[in-house]
C-alpha atoms as a PDB file:
ATOM      1  CA  UNK A   1       0.000   0.000   0.000  1.00  0.00           C
ATOM      2  CA  UNK A   2       1.254   3.466  -0.871  1.00  0.00           C
ATOM      3  CA  UNK A   3       0.453   6.420   1.381  1.00  0.00           C
ATOM      4  CA  UNK A   4      -0.100   9.719  -0.364  1.00  0.00           C
ATOM      5  CA  UNK A   5       0.279  13.020   1.434  1.00  0.00           C
ATOM      6  CA  UNK A   6      -1.409  16.073  -0.008  1.00  0.00           C
ATOM      7  CA  UNK A   7       0.086  19.482   0.580  1.00  0.00           C
ATOM      8  CA  UNK A   8      -2.011  22.526  -0.135  1.00  0.00           C
ATOM      9  CA  UNK A   9       0.203  25.355  -1.319  1.00  0.00           C
ATOM     10  CA  UNK A  10      -0.863  28.906  -0.603  1.00  0.00           C
ATOM     11  CA  UNK A  11      -3.159  27.925   2.228  1.00  0.00           C
ATOM     12  CA  UNK A  12      -3.276  30.235   5.196  1.00  0.00           C
ATOM     13  CA  UNK A  13      -1.405  28.866   8.159  1.00  0.00           C
ATOM     14  CA  UNK A  14      -1.724  31.602  10.757  1.00  0.00           C
ATOM     15  CA  UNK A  15      -4.782  33.132  12.440  1.00  0.00           C
ATOM     16  CA  UNK A  16      -5.533  36.826  11.893  1.00  0.00           C
ATOM     17  CA  UNK A  17      -3.953  39.172  14.430  1.00  0.00           C
ATOM     18  CA  UNK A  18      -6.131  41.061  16.912  1.00  0.00           C
ATOM     19  CA  UNK A  19      -5.385  44.434  15.247  1.00  0.00           C
ATOM     20  CA  UNK A  20      -6.555  43.039  11.905  1.00  0.00           C
ATOM     21  CA  UNK A  21      -9.708  41.521  13.389  1.00  0.00           C
ATOM     22  CA  UNK A  22     -10.449  44.955  14.884  1.00  0.00           C
ATOM     23  CA  UNK A  23      -9.589  46.756  11.642  1.00  0.00           C
ATOM     24  CA  UNK A  24     -11.844  44.525   9.525  1.00  0.00           C
ATOM     25  CA  UNK A  25     -14.784  45.023  11.907  1.00  0.00           C
ATOM     26  CA  UNK A  26     -14.243  48.787  11.942  1.00  0.00           C
ATOM     27  CA  UNK A  27     -13.745  49.120   8.188  1.00  0.00           C
ATOM     28  CA  UNK A  28     -16.778  47.003   7.385  1.00  0.00           C
ATOM     29  CA  UNK A  29     -18.908  49.093   9.745  1.00  0.00           C
ATOM     30  CA  UNK A  30     -17.626  52.312   8.196  1.00  0.00           C
ATOM     31  CA  UNK A  31     -17.584  51.268   4.519  1.00  0.00           C
ATOM     32  CA  UNK A  32     -18.423  47.678   3.621  1.00  0.00           C
ATOM     33  CA  UNK A  33     -17.406  48.231  -0.012  1.00  0.00           C
ATOM     34  CA  UNK A  34     -13.713  48.217   0.939  1.00  0.00           C
ATOM     35  CA  UNK A  35     -12.145  44.804   0.256  1.00  0.00           C
ATOM     36  CA  UNK A  36     -10.635  43.501   3.494  1.00  0.00           C
ATOM     37  CA  UNK A  37     -10.402  39.823   2.508  1.00  0.00           C
ATOM     38  CA  UNK A  38      -6.590  39.769   2.727  1.00  0.00           C
ATOM     39  CA  UNK A  39      -6.856  40.666   6.423  1.00  0.00           C
ATOM     40  CA  UNK A  40      -9.570  38.144   7.268  1.00  0.00           C
ATOM     41  CA  UNK A  41      -9.118  34.514   8.288  1.00  0.00           C
ATOM     42  CA  UNK A  42      -7.765  32.568   5.328  1.00  0.00           C
ATOM     43  CA  UNK A  43      -6.544  35.770   3.672  1.00  0.00           C
ATOM     44  CA  UNK A  44      -3.188  36.271   2.016  1.00  0.00           C
ATOM     45  CA  UNK A  45      -1.826  38.051   5.102  1.00  0.00           C
ATOM     46  CA  UNK A  46      -1.596  34.843   7.093  1.00  0.00           C
ATOM     47  CA  UNK A  47       0.634  32.676   4.903  1.00  0.00           C
ATOM     48  CA  UNK A  48       3.987  33.498   6.515  1.00  0.00           C
ATOM     49  CA  UNK A  49       5.109  35.141   9.761  1.00  0.00           C
ATOM     50  CA  UNK A  50       6.728  37.962   7.762  1.00  0.00           C
ATOM     51  CA  UNK A  51       3.550  38.669   5.812  1.00  0.00           C
ATOM     52  CA  UNK A  52       1.502  38.495   9.018  1.00  0.00           C
ATOM     53  CA  UNK A  53       3.766  41.056  10.683  1.00  0.00           C
ATOM     54  CA  UNK A  54       3.527  43.437   7.723  1.00  0.00           C
ATOM     55  CA  UNK A  55      -0.256  43.100   7.564  1.00  0.00           C
ATOM     56  CA  UNK A  56      -0.614  43.604  11.304  1.00  0.00           C
ATOM     57  CA  UNK A  57       1.315  46.864  11.002  1.00  0.00           C
ATOM     58  CA  UNK A  58      -0.944  47.938   8.112  1.00  0.00           C
ATOM     59  CA  UNK A  59      -4.025  47.107  10.181  1.00  0.00           C
ATOM     60  CA  UNK A  60      -2.763  49.131  13.137  1.00  0.00           C
ATOM     61  CA  UNK A  61      -2.175  52.187  10.933  1.00  0.00           C
ATOM     62  CA  UNK A  62      -5.522  51.856   9.134  1.00  0.00           C
ATOM     63  CA  UNK A  63      -7.423  51.334  12.382  1.00  0.00           C
ATOM     64  CA  UNK A  64      -5.780  54.385  13.969  1.00  0.00           C
ATOM     65  CA  UNK A  65      -6.823  56.463  10.947  1.00  0.00           C
ATOM     66  CA  UNK A  66     -10.412  55.247  11.107  1.00  0.00           C
ATOM     67  CA  UNK A  67     -10.548  56.022  14.815  1.00  0.00           C
ATOM     68  CA  UNK A  68      -9.707  59.642  13.976  1.00  0.00           C
ATOM     69  CA  UNK A  69     -12.967  60.069  12.068  1.00  0.00           C
ATOM     70  CA  UNK A  70     -15.260  62.744  13.515  1.00  0.00           C
ATOM     71  CA  UNK A  71     -17.900  60.142  14.410  1.00  0.00           C
ATOM     72  CA  UNK A  72     -16.388  56.658  14.050  1.00  0.00           C
ATOM     73  CA  UNK A  73     -18.672  53.597  14.187  1.00  0.00           C
ATOM     74  CA  UNK A  74     -18.899  51.810  17.525  1.00  0.00           C
ATOM     75  CA  UNK A  75     -16.884  48.917  16.049  1.00  0.00           C
ATOM     76  CA  UNK A  76     -13.940  51.293  15.625  1.00  0.00           C
ATOM     77  CA  UNK A  77     -13.750  52.364  19.246  1.00  0.00           C
ATOM     78  CA  UNK A  78     -14.949  49.189  20.989  1.00  0.00           C
ATOM     79  CA  UNK A  79     -11.516  47.568  21.111  1.00  0.00           C
ATOM     80  CA  UNK A  80      -9.504  50.599  22.193  1.00  0.00           C
END
């Protein structure tokens, strides 16, 4: 009998970071037309530790900007 192992290339291997979970919730509440799929679970941000770190930094910056809105959605300030 021959055992066959399948390896899925490009599959996400890391969970989304807390800043990105917060950013996605905030962005979707503010403007749901913005594509945040890269930052969500299974997105391209979570394939390597280096990519995850870069995306987490992007999420932190984007979330800080959204929190500066005159009247940000509750989802933007809930996790502060």
